[in-house]
Amino acid sequence: MSKYKLLINGELVAGDKAMDVVNPATEEVLTECPWASEDQLNQAVAAAKAAFPAWSATSIDERKKVVGAIADTIEANAQEIAQLLVQEQGKPLQEAIGETYGTVAFFRYFMSLDLPVKVIEDSERRRVEAHHKPLGVIGAIVPWNFPLILMSFKIPPALIAGNTIVLKPAPTTPLTSLRIAELVKDVVPAGVLNVITDKNDLGAPMTAHPDVRKISFTGSTATGAKVMAGAAGLLKRITLELGGNDAGIVLDDVDPKKVAPQLYDSAFRNSGQICIAMKRLYVHEKVYDEICEELSRIADEAIIGDGLEQGTTMGPLQNKMQFDKVKELIEEARDKGKVIAGGEVPDQKGYFIRPTVVRDIGDDARLVKEEQFGPVLPVLSFSDEDDAVTRANDSPWGLGGSVWASDLDRAHSVADKMDAGTIWINQHAALDPSLPFGGSKSSGLGTELGQEGLEEFTQLKVINMKKETAA
């Protein structure tokens, strides 16, 4: 029987079924974990609904104390959680440690925010106030690439706003969420935080559940569209942080040796499995050859292996489905461009692909048009800045993008023309919990992080009082 349990109504319970969790570095079963039934989903939602009146009635300061206690608990167990994260997700231990402590920092950031009553008008005639009220039960769905940090986009703002939660981690990375649930079960009032797991079979019933007031989903655009469709019948609130095909534009005044390591990290961190990773790179023809050479050199120096092994700089892809997709894209790219680094699958167990750089590739290649979500970067040349912007914007996605230049005014002008939720200059994927984050086009709806991200978990309620008695 699995040592891991679901958290429902403050109790650790076995799943009605069980499922295996595979270590992507070995392709071996790491452990068994619970697989919740739809009945257990309904129990979790019922528990969250029952806990909502008391929880929402507590002061925001009391709710912050509970969020702080969760953060303290994660921090006190950070090394254990990070080791577990490596085994289920694959990333190198140092990256897992960074994600774990980053999660703590995101939780604590939200504790610094408040939801004050805003007085819109206070005149002789009337007083008008804007209040932010909690919604109720939140369904939070987290993907497999960053199971901890993306959880922290949802749990702390939802709880601080006065909501209760049912959290559903990805089927391939459920263990860290279940372990944290076990650690905090006596820290959070019963029913306020519930954690269930599935094999991608409970997303639809969670989305359609009449007692779930909002779905906060991070994942693929295709699944996000299903969430939106499922929520439509009840006009349920949704926040969707979806896929991206982020473009970087490198202007001709950069120092290739200085900028190349940053470009590499922007594309290949977490084996390229980041929604806002740089997935297409447009480089001015003046520095194109040098940038390609530097990226190739850095990629060839990468040490691929089990994330728990000392010296590993890149782990495996997280699951076989993604592994097979990326291999297919690389093989197709060989006919469309020139592979100058990587491209090989090491002769060993695990879902490993060496960091791959492809140059002289056209905009019509699948590797350029689709989101690869893996350690492969197409590098394209341009001569005209406006042409580069047009090509970068020619995508159904618009999550993020970046411009790299020495002339900051020029970089800002280019960034202003790019169509995405966040454009970075001389950096990429620089997330900060205090800064609002969200995508344009097919990359999502709504905003996460910052004050705006907190308010997304509330209902705006206006009280408009006429200053004249009814007597």
Protein backbone atom coordinates (compact mmCIF):
# COMPACT_ATOMS: atom_id res chain seq x y z
CA MET A 1 0.00 0.00 0.00
CA SER A 2 1.23 3.50 -0.82
CA LYS A 3 2.83 5.49 1.95
CA TYR A 4 1.35 8.61 0.33
CA LYS A 5 -2.19 9.71 1.10
CA LEU A 6 -4.75 12.20 -0.13
CA LEU A 7 -5.69 15.11 2.13
CA ILE A 8 -9.46 15.45 2.43
CA ASN A 9 -11.16 17.40 5.21
CA GLY A 10 -8.02 17.43 7.35
CA GLU A 11 -7.55 13.66 7.17
CA LEU A 12 -4.96 11.60 5.28
CA VAL A 13 -6.86 8.97 3.34
CA ALA A 14 -5.94 6.27 0.85
CA GLY A 15 -7.04 6.65 -2.74
CA ASP A 16 -9.84 4.43 -3.98
CA LYS A 17 -7.29 3.27 -6.56
CA ALA A 18 -3.51 3.40 -6.91
CA MET A 19 -1.07 4.39 -9.66
CA ASP A 20 2.67 4.21 -10.26
CA VAL A 21 5.00 7.19 -10.32
CA VAL A 22 8.01 6.78 -12.62
CA ASN A 23 11.46 8.29 -12.09
CA PRO A 24 12.24 9.89 -15.48
CA ALA A 25 15.99 9.45 -14.98
CA THR A 26 15.70 5.66 -14.68
CA GLU A 27 12.31 4.83 -16.25
CA GLU A 28 11.73 2.71 -13.16
CA VAL A 29 8.75 2.90 -10.81
CA LEU A 30 9.68 5.23 -8.00
CA THR A 31 6.71 4.41 -5.82
CA GLU A 32 2.97 3.90 -5.83
CA CYS A 33 0.66 6.75 -4.95
CA PRO A 34 -3.09 7.19 -4.48
CA TRP A 35 -5.44 7.74 -7.39
CA ALA A 36 -8.58 9.51 -6.23
CA SER A 37 -12.00 8.53 -7.51
CA GLU A 38 -14.64 11.00 -8.60
CA ASP A 39 -16.41 10.27 -5.33
CA GLN A 40 -13.28 11.38 -3.46
CA LEU A 41 -13.14 14.54 -5.57
CA ASN A 42 -16.71 15.23 -4.52
CA GLN A 43 -15.77 14.62 -0.88
CA ALA A 44 -12.90 17.10 -1.16
CA VAL A 45 -15.14 19.73 -2.73
CA ALA A 46 -17.79 19.16 -0.06
CA ALA A 47 -15.16 19.54 2.66
CA ALA A 48 -13.90 22.77 1.12
CA LYS A 49 -17.44 24.10 0.80
CA ALA A 50 -18.22 23.27 4.42
CA ALA A 51 -15.01 24.94 5.63
CA PHE A 52 -15.56 28.11 3.60
CA PRO A 53 -17.97 30.05 5.90
CA ALA A 54 -15.70 29.87 8.95
CA TRP A 55 -12.48 30.38 6.99
CA SER A 56 -13.78 33.39 5.05
CA ALA A 57 -15.03 34.91 8.31
CA THR A 58 -11.54 34.89 9.87
CA SER A 59 -9.48 38.05 9.62
CA ILE A 60 -6.99 38.39 6.79
CA ASP A 61 -4.22 38.53 9.40
CA GLU A 62 -5.26 35.14 10.75
CA ARG A 63 -5.32 33.71 7.26
CA LYS A 64 -1.84 35.09 6.64
CA LYS A 65 -0.60 33.30 9.75
CA VAL A 66 -1.76 29.98 8.31
CA VAL A 67 -0.09 30.71 4.96
CA GLY A 68 3.06 31.63 6.88
CA ALA A 69 2.90 28.36 8.79
CA ILE A 70 2.70 26.44 5.50
CA ALA A 71 5.77 28.35 4.26
CA ASP A 72 7.64 27.62 7.51
CA THR A 73 6.81 23.92 7.21
CA ILE A 74 8.03 23.71 3.62
CA GLU A 75 11.22 25.54 4.56
CA ALA A 76 11.87 23.24 7.53
CA ASN A 77 11.61 20.22 5.22
CA ALA A 78 13.16 21.80 2.12
CA GLN A 79 15.97 19.32 1.60
CA GLU A 80 13.67 16.30 1.79
CA ILE A 81 11.11 17.92 -0.52
CA ALA A 82 13.79 18.92 -3.03
CA GLN A 83 15.20 15.38 -3.15
CA LEU A 84 11.71 14.03 -3.80
CA LEU A 85 11.17 16.65 -6.50
CA VAL A 86 14.31 15.49 -8.33
CA GLN A 87 13.14 11.89 -8.27
CA GLU A 88 9.67 12.57 -9.66
CA GLN A 89 10.40 15.53 -11.94
CA GLY A 90 14.02 14.99 -13.04
CA LYS A 91 15.61 18.41 -12.62
CA PRO A 92 19.10 18.71 -11.03
CA LEU A 93 19.14 18.92 -7.25
CA GLN A 94 20.33 22.52 -7.14
CA GLU A 95 17.42 23.57 -9.34
CA ALA A 96 15.03 21.57 -7.14
CA ILE A 97 16.40 23.26 -4.02
CA GLY A 98 15.94 26.62 -5.74
CA GLU A 99 12.35 25.80 -6.63
CA THR A 100 11.60 24.69 -3.07
CA TYR A 101 12.97 27.83 -1.45
CA GLY A 102 11.41 29.91 -4.21
CA THR A 103 8.05 28.42 -3.27
CA VAL A 104 8.59 29.54 0.32
CA ALA A 105 9.44 33.06 -0.89
CA PHE A 106 6.30 33.24 -3.05
CA PHE A 107 4.13 32.15 -0.12
CA ARG A 108 5.68 34.84 2.07
CA TYR A 109 5.33 37.51 -0.59
CA PHE A 110 1.57 37.12 -0.63
CA MET A 111 1.55 37.61 3.14
CA SER A 112 2.69 41.20 2.48
CA LEU A 113 -0.48 42.03 0.54
CA ASP A 114 -3.85 43.25 1.77
CA LEU A 115 -7.34 43.69 0.38
CA PRO A 116 -8.34 47.08 1.77
CA VAL A 117 -11.72 48.64 1.20
CA LYS A 118 -11.31 51.33 -1.46
CA VAL A 119 -13.45 54.44 -1.02
CA ILE A 120 -14.38 55.50 -4.53
CA GLU A 121 -16.42 58.51 -3.40
CA ASP A 122 -17.34 60.06 -0.06
CA SER A 123 -19.32 63.20 -0.78
CA GLU A 124 -22.31 64.92 0.76
CA ARG A 125 -24.48 62.95 -1.62
CA ARG A 126 -23.13 59.40 -1.25
CA ARG A 127 -20.40 57.05 -0.10
CA VAL A 128 -19.22 54.36 -2.53
CA GLU A 129 -16.91 51.55 -1.42
CA ALA A 130 -15.21 48.75 -3.38
CA HIS A 131 -14.74 45.51 -1.44
CA HIS A 132 -12.94 42.32 -2.50
CA LYS A 133 -14.84 39.29 -1.24
CA PRO A 134 -13.75 35.62 -1.42
CA LEU A 135 -15.34 33.45 -4.08
CA GLY A 136 -15.68 30.08 -2.34
CA VAL A 137 -14.11 26.78 -3.39
CA ILE A 138 -11.14 27.07 -5.76
CA GLY A 139 -10.05 24.18 -7.98
CA ALA A 140 -6.28 24.50 -8.53
CA ILE A 141 -4.66 22.38 -11.26
CA VAL A 142 -0.85 22.31 -11.41
CA PRO A 143 1.39 20.88 -14.19
CA TRP A 144 4.47 18.66 -14.00
CA ASN A 145 7.26 21.04 -14.95
CA PHE A 146 7.28 23.12 -11.74
CA PRO A 147 4.95 21.34 -9.31
CA LEU A 148 5.98 23.46 -6.32
CA ILE A 149 6.48 26.99 -7.59
CA LEU A 150 3.28 26.88 -9.66
CA MET A 151 1.39 25.66 -6.61
CA SER A 152 2.57 28.86 -4.91
CA PHE A 153 0.89 30.94 -7.65
CA LYS A 154 -2.43 29.56 -6.41
CA ILE A 155 -2.56 28.40 -2.79
CA PRO A 156 -1.36 31.53 -0.92
CA PRO A 157 -3.44 34.13 -2.79
CA ALA A 158 -6.51 31.92 -2.72
CA LEU A 159 -6.24 31.29 1.03
CA ILE A 160 -5.36 34.86 1.95
CA ALA A 161 -8.38 36.08 -0.03
CA GLY A 162 -10.56 33.81 2.14
CA ASN A 163 -11.22 30.93 -0.25
CA THR A 164 -10.83 27.20 0.33
CA ILE A 165 -9.01 24.93 -2.11
CA VAL A 166 -8.93 21.56 -3.81
CA LEU A 167 -5.46 21.11 -5.32
CA LYS A 168 -4.82 18.60 -8.10
CA PRO A 169 -1.17 18.06 -9.07
CA ALA A 170 -0.12 16.45 -12.36
CA PRO A 171 -0.35 12.63 -12.49
CA THR A 172 3.38 12.26 -13.16
CA THR A 173 4.53 14.58 -10.33
CA PRO A 174 2.09 14.13 -7.43
CA LEU A 175 4.52 13.19 -4.66
CA THR A 176 5.80 16.57 -3.53
CA SER A 177 2.24 17.92 -3.27
CA LEU A 178 1.12 14.87 -1.29
CA ARG A 179 4.12 15.09 1.02
CA ILE A 180 3.50 18.79 1.68
CA ALA A 181 -0.16 17.99 2.34
CA GLU A 182 0.92 15.44 4.93
CA LEU A 183 3.30 17.92 6.57
CA VAL A 184 0.75 20.76 6.82
CA LYS A 185 -2.42 18.83 7.63
CA ASP A 186 -2.37 20.01 11.25
CA VAL A 187 -1.37 23.55 10.27
CA VAL A 188 -4.39 24.30 8.10
CA PRO A 189 -7.98 24.03 9.42
CA ALA A 190 -9.79 20.91 8.19
CA GLY A 191 -11.26 21.31 4.73
CA VAL A 192 -9.49 24.58 3.91
CA LEU A 193 -6.80 22.83 1.83
CA ASN A 194 -7.51 19.48 0.17
CA VAL A 195 -5.13 17.59 -2.11
CA ILE A 196 -6.24 14.87 -4.50
CA THR A 197 -4.51 13.06 -7.39
CA ASP A 198 -5.71 11.54 -10.64
CA LYS A 199 -4.63 10.17 -14.03
CA ASN A 200 -6.01 13.14 -15.94
CA ASP A 201 -9.56 11.90 -15.35
CA LEU A 202 -10.75 14.35 -12.67
CA GLY A 203 -10.07 17.66 -14.42
CA ALA A 204 -13.37 17.63 -16.28
CA PRO A 205 -15.57 16.77 -13.27
CA MET A 206 -13.70 19.30 -11.12
CA THR A 207 -14.22 22.00 -13.74
CA ALA A 208 -17.90 21.16 -14.11
CA HIS A 209 -18.58 20.79 -10.36
CA PRO A 210 -21.33 23.24 -9.33
CA ASP A 211 -19.69 23.96 -5.97
CA VAL A 212 -16.31 24.92 -7.43
CA ARG A 213 -16.48 28.67 -7.99
CA LYS A 214 -13.19 29.13 -9.84
CA ILE A 215 -10.61 27.03 -11.66
CA SER A 216 -7.00 28.19 -11.62
CA PHE A 217 -5.24 26.12 -14.27
CA THR A 218 -1.65 26.04 -15.51
CA GLY A 219 -0.91 23.74 -18.43
CA SER A 220 -1.23 23.29 -22.17
CA THR A 221 -3.38 25.45 -24.41
CA ALA A 222 -5.33 22.41 -25.61
CA THR A 223 -6.27 21.41 -22.06
CA GLY A 224 -6.93 25.04 -21.15
CA ALA A 225 -9.51 25.21 -23.94
CA LYS A 226 -11.24 22.16 -22.41
CA VAL A 227 -11.23 23.84 -19.00
CA MET A 228 -12.78 26.95 -20.51
CA ALA A 229 -15.45 24.91 -22.27
CA GLY A 230 -16.21 22.93 -19.11
CA ALA A 231 -16.54 26.08 -17.03
CA ALA A 232 -18.76 27.86 -19.55
CA GLY A 233 -21.99 26.14 -18.57
CA LEU A 234 -21.82 27.55 -15.05
CA LEU A 235 -20.07 30.81 -16.05
CA LYS A 236 -17.37 29.71 -13.62
CA ARG A 237 -14.42 32.02 -13.01
CA ILE A 238 -11.19 30.82 -14.64
CA THR A 239 -7.56 31.81 -14.71
CA LEU A 240 -5.60 30.06 -17.45
CA GLU A 241 -1.80 30.19 -17.74
CA LEU A 242 -1.18 28.22 -20.89
CA GLY A 243 1.45 27.37 -23.48
CA GLY A 244 3.89 29.69 -25.13
CA ASN A 245 6.35 29.89 -27.99
CA ASP A 246 8.43 32.74 -26.61
CA ALA A 247 10.70 34.53 -29.06
CA GLY A 248 13.98 36.21 -28.23
CA ILE A 249 15.30 38.95 -30.53
CA VAL A 250 19.04 39.68 -30.42
CA LEU A 251 20.07 43.01 -31.94
CA ASP A 252 23.39 43.68 -33.65
CA ASP A 253 25.05 45.64 -30.83
CA VAL A 254 25.40 42.80 -28.31
CA ASP A 255 28.60 41.13 -27.14
CA PRO A 256 28.04 37.50 -28.26
CA LYS A 257 30.31 35.98 -25.62
CA LYS A 258 28.59 37.94 -22.86
CA VAL A 259 25.01 37.35 -23.94
CA ALA A 260 25.22 33.72 -25.13
CA PRO A 261 25.29 32.11 -21.64
CA GLN A 262 22.16 34.05 -20.70
CA LEU A 263 20.43 33.05 -23.93
CA TYR A 264 21.37 29.42 -23.30
CA ASP A 265 19.98 29.47 -19.77
CA SER A 266 16.79 31.14 -20.99
CA ALA A 267 16.18 28.26 -23.41
CA PHE A 268 17.54 25.19 -21.63
CA ARG A 269 16.87 25.60 -17.91
CA ASN A 270 14.70 22.74 -16.60
CA SER A 271 15.51 20.92 -19.87
CA GLY A 272 13.53 23.58 -21.72
CA GLN A 273 10.36 22.54 -19.90
CA ILE A 274 9.20 26.02 -18.93
CA CYS A 275 6.10 27.75 -20.27
CA ILE A 276 8.09 30.97 -20.64
CA ALA A 277 11.35 29.42 -21.82
CA MET A 278 12.86 31.01 -24.90
CA LYS A 279 11.70 28.68 -27.65
CA ARG A 280 12.68 30.63 -30.78
CA LEU A 281 15.72 32.89 -31.14
CA TYR A 282 16.00 35.55 -33.85
CA VAL A 283 19.56 36.90 -34.16
CA HIS A 284 20.78 39.78 -36.31
CA GLU A 285 22.90 38.54 -39.19
CA LYS A 286 25.87 40.62 -38.01
CA VAL A 287 26.27 38.50 -34.84
CA TYR A 288 24.46 35.35 -35.99
CA ASP A 289 27.49 33.12 -36.57
CA GLU A 290 29.15 34.10 -33.29
CA ILE A 291 25.97 33.55 -31.26
CA CYS A 292 25.47 30.15 -32.88
CA GLU A 293 29.06 29.16 -32.14
CA GLU A 294 28.82 30.21 -28.49
CA LEU A 295 25.47 28.46 -27.95
CA SER A 296 26.87 25.30 -29.53
CA ARG A 297 29.95 25.39 -27.31
CA ILE A 298 27.92 25.85 -24.13
CA ALA A 299 25.49 23.09 -25.11
CA ASP A 300 28.35 20.66 -25.76
CA GLU A 301 29.69 21.31 -22.25
CA ALA A 302 26.41 20.31 -20.55
CA ILE A 303 26.56 17.30 -18.23
CA ILE A 304 23.45 15.19 -18.70
CA GLY A 305 22.38 12.76 -15.98
CA ASP A 306 20.34 11.90 -12.93
CA GLY A 307 19.56 15.08 -11.05
CA LEU A 308 20.81 13.52 -7.81
CA GLU A 309 24.27 12.91 -9.25
CA GLN A 310 26.84 15.55 -8.41
CA GLY A 311 27.85 17.66 -11.39
CA THR A 312 24.68 17.12 -13.42
CA THR A 313 23.65 20.31 -15.20
CA MET A 314 20.65 18.94 -17.11
CA GLY A 315 18.24 16.19 -16.17
CA PRO A 316 15.83 14.16 -18.32
CA LEU A 317 12.56 15.23 -19.82
CA GLN A 318 9.84 14.55 -17.32
CA ASN A 319 7.80 11.90 -19.13
CA LYS A 320 7.89 9.59 -22.13
CA MET A 321 5.19 11.40 -24.07
CA GLN A 322 7.19 14.63 -24.02
CA PHE A 323 10.41 12.73 -24.71
CA ASP A 324 8.96 11.14 -27.84
CA LYS A 325 7.55 14.46 -29.08
CA VAL A 326 10.89 16.26 -28.75
CA LYS A 327 12.76 13.43 -30.48
CA GLU A 328 10.33 13.68 -33.39
CA LEU A 329 10.80 17.46 -33.67
CA ILE A 330 14.59 17.06 -33.72
CA GLU A 331 14.44 14.46 -36.50
CA GLU A 332 12.20 16.70 -38.60
CA ALA A 333 14.48 19.68 -37.93
CA ARG A 334 17.46 17.85 -39.44
CA ASP A 335 15.79 18.20 -42.83
CA LYS A 336 14.86 21.85 -42.27
CA GLY A 337 18.08 23.18 -40.73
CA LYS A 338 21.53 22.32 -39.44
CA VAL A 339 21.98 20.69 -36.03
CA ILE A 340 25.16 22.25 -34.57
CA ALA A 341 24.96 20.85 -31.04
CA GLY A 342 23.26 17.89 -29.45
CA GLY A 343 20.54 16.05 -31.28
CA GLU A 344 21.53 12.77 -29.67
CA VAL A 345 19.67 10.53 -27.30
CA PRO A 346 22.27 9.02 -24.94
CA ASP A 347 22.46 5.22 -24.89
CA GLN A 348 21.14 4.88 -21.35
CA LYS A 349 17.95 4.49 -19.40
CA GLY A 350 15.96 7.64 -18.82
CA TYR A 351 14.28 10.28 -20.96
CA PHE A 352 17.51 12.11 -21.79
CA ILE A 353 18.15 14.34 -24.79
CA ARG A 354 21.29 16.41 -25.07
CA PRO A 355 20.75 20.18 -25.40
CA THR A 356 20.26 20.75 -29.11
CA VAL A 357 20.86 23.89 -31.16
CA VAL A 358 19.56 24.14 -34.73
CA ARG A 359 20.63 26.95 -37.09
CA ASP A 360 19.72 27.91 -40.68
CA ILE A 361 16.14 26.76 -40.12
CA GLY A 362 13.05 28.30 -41.70
CA ASP A 363 10.02 29.82 -40.02
CA ASP A 364 7.84 27.07 -41.49
CA ALA A 365 9.56 24.26 -39.55
CA ARG A 366 7.50 22.56 -36.83
CA LEU A 367 10.31 23.26 -34.36
CA VAL A 368 9.76 26.99 -34.95
CA LYS A 369 5.97 27.02 -35.27
CA GLU A 370 5.14 24.66 -32.39
CA GLU A 371 5.98 24.72 -28.69
CA GLN A 372 8.69 22.09 -28.27
CA PHE A 373 8.82 22.21 -24.44
CA GLY A 374 12.20 20.50 -24.43
CA PRO A 375 15.96 21.10 -24.78
CA VAL A 376 15.97 22.21 -28.43
CA LEU A 377 16.48 25.78 -29.65
CA PRO A 378 16.01 26.95 -33.27
CA VAL A 379 18.20 29.98 -34.10
CA LEU A 380 17.02 32.11 -37.02
CA SER A 381 18.73 35.02 -38.76
CA PHE A 382 17.32 38.46 -39.59
CA SER A 383 18.60 41.70 -41.10
CA ASP A 384 15.69 44.06 -40.38
CA GLU A 385 14.29 44.69 -36.87
CA ASP A 386 10.72 45.15 -38.04
CA ASP A 387 10.94 41.86 -39.93
CA ALA A 388 12.17 40.14 -36.76
CA VAL A 389 9.24 41.55 -34.78
CA THR A 390 6.75 40.47 -37.46
CA ARG A 391 8.15 36.93 -37.43
CA ALA A 392 8.23 36.81 -33.63
CA ASN A 393 4.60 37.94 -33.45
CA ASP A 394 3.50 35.41 -36.06
CA SER A 395 2.32 32.88 -33.50
CA PRO A 396 -0.99 31.93 -31.90
CA TRP A 397 0.75 32.23 -28.52
CA GLY A 398 1.80 35.32 -26.61
CA LEU A 399 3.09 34.41 -23.18
CA GLY A 400 6.46 36.14 -23.12
CA GLY A 401 9.35 37.38 -25.20
CA SER A 402 12.65 39.20 -24.89
CA VAL A 403 14.95 41.70 -26.58
CA TRP A 404 18.73 41.69 -26.17
CA ALA A 405 20.73 44.83 -26.94
CA SER A 406 23.29 47.32 -25.62
CA ASP A 407 21.16 50.30 -26.63
CA LEU A 408 18.31 50.17 -24.11
CA ASP A 409 16.17 52.77 -25.87
CA ARG A 410 16.36 50.77 -29.07
CA ALA A 411 15.57 47.57 -27.18
CA HIS A 412 12.56 49.21 -25.53
CA SER A 413 11.25 50.33 -28.93
CA VAL A 414 11.44 46.75 -30.23
CA ALA A 415 9.89 45.32 -27.04
CA ASP A 416 6.95 47.70 -27.35
CA LYS A 417 6.11 46.18 -30.75
CA MET A 418 6.14 42.58 -29.54
CA ASP A 419 2.78 40.97 -28.75
CA ALA A 420 3.00 39.02 -25.49
CA GLY A 421 2.00 39.31 -21.85
CA THR A 422 5.55 40.04 -20.66
CA ILE A 423 8.53 41.29 -22.66
CA TRP A 424 11.89 41.21 -20.93
CA ILE A 425 14.92 43.26 -21.94
CA ASN A 426 18.37 41.67 -21.52
CA GLN A 427 16.81 38.85 -19.51
CA HIS A 428 14.16 36.21 -20.03
CA ALA A 429 11.71 34.34 -17.80
CA ALA A 430 12.54 36.62 -14.88
CA LEU A 431 9.49 35.98 -12.69
CA ASP A 432 8.97 38.00 -9.54
CA PRO A 433 6.01 37.34 -7.20
CA SER A 434 5.37 41.09 -6.95
CA LEU A 435 4.92 41.51 -10.72
CA PRO A 436 1.64 40.57 -12.46
CA PHE A 437 2.00 37.79 -15.01
CA GLY A 438 -0.34 36.58 -17.73
CA GLY A 439 -0.45 35.76 -21.42
CA SER A 440 -2.05 37.17 -24.53
CA LYS A 441 -3.74 35.36 -27.42
CA SER A 442 -3.77 31.56 -26.88
CA SER A 443 -1.43 31.78 -23.91
CA GLY A 444 -4.16 32.33 -21.38
CA LEU A 445 -6.70 34.45 -19.57
CA GLY A 446 -6.38 36.40 -16.38
CA THR A 447 -3.44 37.41 -14.22
CA GLU A 448 -1.31 35.68 -11.63
CA LEU A 449 1.10 37.12 -9.06
CA GLY A 450 1.22 40.62 -7.67
CA GLN A 451 -1.73 42.47 -6.18
CA GLU A 452 -3.66 41.74 -9.38
CA GLY A 453 -3.07 38.02 -8.90
CA LEU A 454 -4.47 38.19 -5.37
CA GLU A 455 -7.55 40.08 -6.52
CA GLU A 456 -8.22 37.43 -9.20
CA PHE A 457 -9.33 35.17 -6.34
CA THR A 458 -12.00 37.65 -5.22
CA GLN A 459 -15.36 39.05 -6.24
CA LEU A 460 -15.48 42.84 -6.55
CA LYS A 461 -18.43 44.07 -4.51
CA VAL A 462 -19.49 47.71 -4.60
CA ILE A 463 -21.52 49.25 -1.76
CA ASN A 464 -23.19 52.46 -2.92
CA MET A 465 -24.81 54.33 -0.04
CA LYS A 466 -27.01 57.37 -0.55
CA LYS A 467 -26.53 59.80 2.34
CA GLU A 468 -30.18 60.30 2.97
CA THR A 469 -32.22 58.26 5.39
CA ALA A 470 -35.19 56.31 4.18
CA ALA A 471 -37.36 57.52 7.03
